[in-house]
Amino acid sequence: MKKGIHPEYMDCNVHCGCGASWQTRSTVKYIKVEICSTCHPFFRADGAHKFVDALGRVDRFTKKFGSDYFAKATPPPKTKLDPHRL
């Protein structure tokens, strides 16, 4: 490897928004993450789901389209066909 062109590789502290922290190695001394394997629903062994909406996108969608956007639409009532109109 050439001298002087690679960044320094050092110990790094990683802190998650859920409060978990661990130490690893990186080119920076401190990393802050919003979600980690401790609090992510995919990795949780107890099956508990934590809803993460960091940017408020769900709230903006609900405000724009209403809370019943994904509700199943009721089909129109069936009417009998008039045999004389066919």
Protein backbone atom coordinates (compact mmCIF):
# COMPACT_ATOMS: atom_id res chain seq x y z
CA MET A 1 0.00 0.00 0.00
CA LYS A 2 1.16 3.52 -0.71
CA LYS A 3 1.93 5.69 2.31
CA GLY A 4 -0.19 8.77 3.04
CA ILE A 5 -3.16 8.13 0.71
CA HIS A 6 -5.33 5.96 2.98
CA PRO A 7 -7.49 7.36 5.82
CA GLU A 8 -6.65 6.41 9.38
CA TYR A 9 -8.55 3.35 10.62
CA MET A 10 -9.44 3.74 14.32
CA ASP A 11 -11.81 2.57 17.05
CA CYS A 12 -15.32 3.97 16.64
CA ASN A 13 -18.36 4.26 18.91
CA VAL A 14 -21.77 3.65 17.32
CA HIS A 15 -24.91 4.95 19.07
CA CYS A 16 -28.48 4.13 18.03
CA GLY A 17 -31.63 6.15 18.63
CA CYS A 18 -32.98 3.32 20.82
CA GLY A 19 -30.07 3.73 23.24
CA ALA A 20 -27.96 0.77 22.15
CA SER A 21 -24.28 1.42 21.59
CA TRP A 22 -21.30 -0.67 20.55
CA GLN A 23 -17.73 -0.28 19.48
CA THR A 24 -16.32 -1.09 16.07
CA ARG A 25 -13.62 0.24 13.78
CA SER A 26 -14.04 2.92 11.12
CA THR A 27 -12.41 5.99 9.61
CA VAL A 28 -14.53 8.25 11.88
CA LYS A 29 -14.63 8.29 15.70
CA TYR A 30 -18.41 8.54 16.20
CA ILE A 31 -21.41 7.22 14.23
CA LYS A 32 -25.05 7.96 15.12
CA VAL A 33 -27.76 5.76 13.56
CA GLU A 34 -31.56 5.94 13.81
CA ILE A 35 -32.22 2.21 13.84
CA CYS A 36 -30.03 -0.83 14.52
CA SER A 37 -30.36 -4.61 14.69
CA THR A 38 -31.48 -4.32 18.34
CA CYS A 39 -34.58 -2.24 17.59
CA HIS A 40 -35.31 -3.15 13.94
CA PRO A 41 -38.49 -5.30 13.71
CA PHE A 42 -36.90 -7.76 11.26
CA PHE A 43 -34.23 -8.74 13.77
CA ARG A 44 -36.39 -8.75 16.92
CA ALA A 45 -36.80 -12.25 18.33
CA ASP A 46 -39.93 -11.39 20.33
CA GLY A 47 -41.82 -10.34 17.20
CA ALA A 48 -42.55 -6.86 18.55
CA HIS A 49 -42.74 -4.23 15.85
CA LYS A 50 -41.51 -0.71 16.38
CA PHE A 51 -42.92 1.74 13.87
CA VAL A 52 -40.28 4.18 12.68
CA ASP A 53 -41.33 7.34 10.85
CA ALA A 54 -38.35 9.64 11.10
CA LEU A 55 -39.46 12.17 8.50
CA GLY A 56 -43.21 12.29 9.20
CA ARG A 57 -44.08 10.84 5.80
CA VAL A 58 -46.99 8.80 7.13
CA ASP A 59 -48.50 11.87 8.78
CA ARG A 60 -48.19 13.88 5.57
CA PHE A 61 -49.79 11.06 3.56
CA THR A 62 -52.66 10.75 6.05
CA LYS A 63 -53.22 14.50 6.01
CA LYS A 64 -53.24 14.60 2.21
CA PHE A 65 -55.36 11.54 1.42
CA GLY A 66 -57.24 10.82 4.64
CA SER A 67 -57.00 7.89 7.01
CA ASP A 68 -59.43 5.71 5.04
CA TYR A 69 -57.31 5.69 1.85
CA PHE A 70 -56.54 1.96 2.11
CA ALA A 71 -60.02 0.95 3.26
CA LYS A 72 -61.71 -1.48 0.91
CA ALA A 73 -64.21 0.21 -1.33
CA THR A 74 -67.76 -1.04 -1.07
CA PRO A 75 -69.01 -2.41 -4.37
CA PRO A 76 -72.00 -0.66 -5.93
CA PRO A 77 -75.34 -2.37 -5.34
CA LYS A 78 -76.29 -4.90 -7.98
CA THR A 79 -79.29 -4.01 -10.05
CA LYS A 80 -81.43 -6.34 -12.08
CA LEU A 81 -81.22 -5.95 -15.81
CA ASP A 82 -84.42 -5.11 -17.59
CA PRO A 83 -84.97 -7.87 -20.22
CA HIS A 84 -86.80 -5.41 -22.48
CA ARG A 85 -83.78 -3.10 -22.69
CA LEU A 86 -81.51 -5.81 -24.11
